[in-house]
Amino acid sequence: MTRLVIAGLSGGLFGAGLVVSGMTDPAKVQGFLDLFGAWDPTLAFVMGGAVVVMFLAWRIAAARNRSLSGAPLPAMPEQRLDGRLIGGAALFGLGWGLSGLCPGPAMASLFFGGPSVWVFFAAMVAGMALFGLWSRRA
């Protein structure tokens, strides 16, 4: 139960941060990607803040073997570049650039983002389901 409360609070804090920073607005993201037009650097500051927080979190986690809730911490992710990782990153980047949304901001804006967010969310869920089916077959 404690883990669910911590997960809910963490997700709520993350969603609130996305809303406050404006990252639930696809135009903000597309403005960041428009390098030769009306470039908007806001996303760079949001990403920079996320990198600093994760750097500190990985440093703290490396010195511990259990989380604050007492659960064992997972191992550090593998540091290997392969076709799956590169292909997945390219597919993610294409979808992100075309729609201006990625999974976190899409979920945070489901209730105020309009029909385009619901279409993105449905396509995202369908893609995850298809990947699940495909990976079980392989």
C-alpha atoms as a PDB file:
ATOM      1  CA  MET A   1       0.000   0.000   0.000  1.00  0.00           C
ATOM      2  CA  THR A   2       2.839   2.369   0.863  1.00  0.00           C
ATOM      3  CA  ARG A   3       4.411   1.768  -2.555  1.00  0.00           C
ATOM      4  CA  LEU A   4       1.127   2.680  -4.280  1.00  0.00           C
ATOM      5  CA  VAL A   5       0.863   5.914  -2.315  1.00  0.00           C
ATOM      6  CA  ILE A   6       4.477   6.829  -3.119  1.00  0.00           C
ATOM      7  CA  ALA A   7       3.921   5.971  -6.801  1.00  0.00           C
ATOM      8  CA  GLY A   8       0.718   8.030  -6.893  1.00  0.00           C
ATOM      9  CA  LEU A   9       2.360  11.027  -5.238  1.00  0.00           C
ATOM     10  CA  SER A  10       5.397  10.768  -7.527  1.00  0.00           C
ATOM     11  CA  GLY A  11       3.207  10.536 -10.629  1.00  0.00           C
ATOM     12  CA  GLY A  12       1.111  13.474  -9.458  1.00  0.00           C
ATOM     13  CA  LEU A  13       4.225  15.562  -8.817  1.00  0.00           C
ATOM     14  CA  PHE A  14       5.593  14.638 -12.253  1.00  0.00           C
ATOM     15  CA  GLY A  15       2.298  15.528 -13.962  1.00  0.00           C
ATOM     16  CA  ALA A  16       2.064  18.813 -12.081  1.00  0.00           C
ATOM     17  CA  GLY A  17       5.616  19.657 -13.134  1.00  0.00           C
ATOM     18  CA  LEU A  18       4.730  18.968 -16.764  1.00  0.00           C
ATOM     19  CA  VAL A  19       1.675  21.213 -16.557  1.00  0.00           C
ATOM     20  CA  VAL A  20       3.499  24.045 -14.754  1.00  0.00           C
ATOM     21  CA  SER A  21       6.440  23.912 -17.200  1.00  0.00           C
ATOM     22  CA  GLY A  22       4.092  23.972 -20.196  1.00  0.00           C
ATOM     23  CA  MET A  23       5.326  20.643 -21.553  1.00  0.00           C
ATOM     24  CA  THR A  24       1.741  19.413 -22.022  1.00  0.00           C
ATOM     25  CA  ASP A  25       1.421  21.946 -24.848  1.00  0.00           C
ATOM     26  CA  PRO A  26       2.525  20.266 -28.110  1.00  0.00           C
ATOM     27  CA  ALA A  27       3.337  23.684 -29.600  1.00  0.00           C
ATOM     28  CA  LYS A  28       6.050  24.167 -26.922  1.00  0.00           C
ATOM     29  CA  VAL A  29       7.748  20.912 -27.890  1.00  0.00           C
ATOM     30  CA  GLN A  30       7.464  21.613 -31.603  1.00  0.00           C
ATOM     31  CA  GLY A  31       8.835  25.113 -30.960  1.00  0.00           C
ATOM     32  CA  PHE A  32      11.893  23.514 -29.357  1.00  0.00           C
ATOM     33  CA  LEU A  33      12.385  21.322 -32.424  1.00  0.00           C
ATOM     34  CA  ASP A  34      12.031  24.302 -34.812  1.00  0.00           C
ATOM     35  CA  LEU A  35      15.730  25.207 -34.791  1.00  0.00           C
ATOM     36  CA  PHE A  36      15.609  27.544 -37.785  1.00  0.00           C
ATOM     37  CA  GLY A  37      12.273  29.209 -37.028  1.00  0.00           C
ATOM     38  CA  ALA A  38      10.753  30.448 -33.779  1.00  0.00           C
ATOM     39  CA  TRP A  39      12.981  28.318 -31.530  1.00  0.00           C
ATOM     40  CA  ASP A  40      11.730  27.952 -27.929  1.00  0.00           C
ATOM     41  CA  PRO A  41      14.495  26.799 -25.511  1.00  0.00           C
ATOM     42  CA  THR A  42      12.100  26.056 -22.627  1.00  0.00           C
ATOM     43  CA  LEU A  43      12.284  22.284 -23.127  1.00  0.00           C
ATOM     44  CA  ALA A  44      16.084  22.361 -22.806  1.00  0.00           C
ATOM     45  CA  PHE A  45      15.738  23.764 -19.273  1.00  0.00           C
ATOM     46  CA  VAL A  46      13.137  21.130 -18.353  1.00  0.00           C
ATOM     47  CA  MET A  47      15.356  18.344 -19.716  1.00  0.00           C
ATOM     48  CA  GLY A  48      18.406  19.811 -17.980  1.00  0.00           C
ATOM     49  CA  GLY A  49      16.563  19.801 -14.671  1.00  0.00           C
ATOM     50  CA  ALA A  50      15.522  16.182 -15.240  1.00  0.00           C
ATOM     51  CA  VAL A  51      19.110  15.155 -16.022  1.00  0.00           C
ATOM     52  CA  VAL A  52      20.384  16.765 -12.804  1.00  0.00           C
ATOM     53  CA  VAL A  53      17.688  15.055 -10.702  1.00  0.00           C
ATOM     54  CA  MET A  54      18.343  11.646 -12.289  1.00  0.00           C
ATOM     55  CA  PHE A  55      22.106  12.048 -11.929  1.00  0.00           C
ATOM     56  CA  LEU A  56      21.654  12.638  -8.205  1.00  0.00           C
ATOM     57  CA  ALA A  57      19.118   9.809  -7.899  1.00  0.00           C
ATOM     58  CA  TRP A  58      21.488   7.302  -9.549  1.00  0.00           C
ATOM     59  CA  ARG A  59      24.325   8.448  -7.280  1.00  0.00           C
ATOM     60  CA  ILE A  60      22.194   7.949  -4.180  1.00  0.00           C
ATOM     61  CA  ALA A  61      20.861   4.607  -5.457  1.00  0.00           C
ATOM     62  CA  ALA A  62      24.394   3.343  -6.142  1.00  0.00           C
ATOM     63  CA  ALA A  63      25.202   3.744  -2.444  1.00  0.00           C
ATOM     64  CA  ARG A  64      22.063   1.827  -1.322  1.00  0.00           C
ATOM     65  CA  ASN A  65      20.622  -1.610  -1.875  1.00  0.00           C
ATOM     66  CA  ARG A  66      17.059  -0.853  -0.763  1.00  0.00           C
ATOM     67  CA  SER A  67      14.584   1.949  -1.508  1.00  0.00           C
ATOM     68  CA  LEU A  68      13.117   4.177   1.189  1.00  0.00           C
ATOM     69  CA  SER A  69      10.071   1.882   1.273  1.00  0.00           C
ATOM     70  CA  GLY A  70      12.346  -1.118   1.929  1.00  0.00           C
ATOM     71  CA  ALA A  71      11.986  -2.736  -1.486  1.00  0.00           C
ATOM     72  CA  PRO A  72      15.149  -3.891  -3.251  1.00  0.00           C
ATOM     73  CA  LEU A  73      16.457  -1.459  -5.849  1.00  0.00           C
ATOM     74  CA  PRO A  74      16.673  -2.740  -9.432  1.00  0.00           C
ATOM     75  CA  ALA A  75      20.034  -3.118 -11.118  1.00  0.00           C
ATOM     76  CA  MET A  76      21.365  -0.272 -13.222  1.00  0.00           C
ATOM     77  CA  PRO A  77      20.203  -0.568 -16.843  1.00  0.00           C
ATOM     78  CA  GLU A  78      22.498  -2.186 -19.362  1.00  0.00           C
ATOM     79  CA  GLN A  79      24.813   0.291 -21.074  1.00  0.00           C
ATOM     80  CA  ARG A  80      24.647  -1.325 -24.534  1.00  0.00           C
ATOM     81  CA  LEU A  81      23.557   0.293 -27.814  1.00  0.00           C
ATOM     82  CA  ASP A  82      21.789  -2.116 -30.147  1.00  0.00           C
ATOM     83  CA  GLY A  83      19.336  -1.990 -33.026  1.00  0.00           C
ATOM     84  CA  ARG A  84      16.289  -2.262 -30.757  1.00  0.00           C
ATOM     85  CA  LEU A  85      17.359   0.726 -28.682  1.00  0.00           C
ATOM     86  CA  ILE A  86      18.273   2.874 -31.689  1.00  0.00           C
ATOM     87  CA  GLY A  87      15.111   1.882 -33.595  1.00  0.00           C
ATOM     88  CA  GLY A  88      12.911   2.539 -30.579  1.00  0.00           C
ATOM     89  CA  ALA A  89      14.540   5.912 -29.951  1.00  0.00           C
ATOM     90  CA  ALA A  90      14.094   6.879 -33.609  1.00  0.00           C
ATOM     91  CA  LEU A  91      10.432   5.834 -33.566  1.00  0.00           C
ATOM     92  CA  PHE A  92       9.875   7.719 -30.304  1.00  0.00           C
ATOM     93  CA  GLY A  93      11.558  10.834 -31.703  1.00  0.00           C
ATOM     94  CA  LEU A  94       9.507  10.710 -34.889  1.00  0.00           C
ATOM     95  CA  GLY A  95       6.246  10.473 -32.969  1.00  0.00           C
ATOM     96  CA  TRP A  96       7.357  13.151 -30.534  1.00  0.00           C
ATOM     97  CA  GLY A  97       8.349  15.560 -33.283  1.00  0.00           C
ATOM     98  CA  LEU A  98       5.203  14.981 -35.338  1.00  0.00           C
ATOM     99  CA  SER A  99       2.708  15.205 -32.490  1.00  0.00           C
ATOM    100  CA  GLY A 100       4.563  17.310 -29.917  1.00  0.00           C
ATOM    101  CA  LEU A 101       3.613  14.738 -27.279  1.00  0.00           C
ATOM    102  CA  CYS A 102       5.333  11.891 -25.504  1.00  0.00           C
ATOM    103  CA  PRO A 103       3.718   9.464 -23.022  1.00  0.00           C
ATOM    104  CA  GLY A 104       4.093  11.549 -19.837  1.00  0.00           C
ATOM    105  CA  PRO A 105       2.682  14.822 -21.142  1.00  0.00           C
ATOM    106  CA  ALA A 106      -0.015  12.952 -23.084  1.00  0.00           C
ATOM    107  CA  MET A 107      -1.270  11.302 -19.894  1.00  0.00           C
ATOM    108  CA  ALA A 108      -1.005  14.565 -17.964  1.00  0.00           C
ATOM    109  CA  SER A 109      -3.146  16.357 -20.580  1.00  0.00           C
ATOM    110  CA  LEU A 110      -5.782  13.669 -21.217  1.00  0.00           C
ATOM    111  CA  PHE A 111      -8.534  15.646 -19.514  1.00  0.00           C
ATOM    112  CA  PHE A 112      -7.812  19.077 -20.992  1.00  0.00           C
ATOM    113  CA  GLY A 113      -5.867  18.445 -24.190  1.00  0.00           C
ATOM    114  CA  GLY A 114      -8.751  17.754 -26.541  1.00  0.00           C
ATOM    115  CA  PRO A 115      -9.397  15.004 -29.076  1.00  0.00           C
ATOM    116  CA  SER A 116      -5.888  15.004 -30.561  1.00  0.00           C
ATOM    117  CA  VAL A 117      -4.447  13.919 -27.213  1.00  0.00           C
ATOM    118  CA  TRP A 118      -6.944  11.042 -27.022  1.00  0.00           C
ATOM    119  CA  VAL A 119      -5.988   9.949 -30.556  1.00  0.00           C
ATOM    120  CA  PHE A 120      -2.300  10.051 -29.571  1.00  0.00           C
ATOM    121  CA  PHE A 121      -3.024   8.128 -26.362  1.00  0.00           C
ATOM    122  CA  ALA A 122      -5.031   5.448 -28.223  1.00  0.00           C
ATOM    123  CA  ALA A 123      -2.237   5.068 -30.797  1.00  0.00           C
ATOM    124  CA  MET A 124       0.332   4.834 -27.999  1.00  0.00           C
ATOM    125  CA  VAL A 125      -1.610   2.109 -26.175  1.00  0.00           C
ATOM    126  CA  ALA A 126      -2.153   0.229 -29.459  1.00  0.00           C
ATOM    127  CA  GLY A 127       1.566   0.453 -30.226  1.00  0.00           C
ATOM    128  CA  MET A 128       2.467  -0.898 -26.783  1.00  0.00           C
ATOM    129  CA  ALA A 129      -0.007  -3.767 -27.211  1.00  0.00           C
ATOM    130  CA  LEU A 130       1.367  -4.598 -30.670  1.00  0.00           C
ATOM    131  CA  PHE A 131       4.915  -4.544 -29.334  1.00  0.00           C
ATOM    132  CA  GLY A 132       3.860  -6.883 -26.522  1.00  0.00           C
ATOM    133  CA  LEU A 133       2.398  -9.334 -29.035  1.00  0.00           C
ATOM    134  CA  TRP A 134       5.407  -9.035 -31.336  1.00  0.00           C
ATOM    135  CA  SER A 135       7.978  -9.530 -28.553  1.00  0.00           C
ATOM    136  CA  ARG A 136       6.190 -12.652 -27.268  1.00  0.00           C
ATOM    137  CA  ARG A 137       6.412 -14.179 -30.750  1.00  0.00           C
ATOM    138  CA  ALA A 138      10.114 -13.414 -31.151  1.00  0.00           C
END
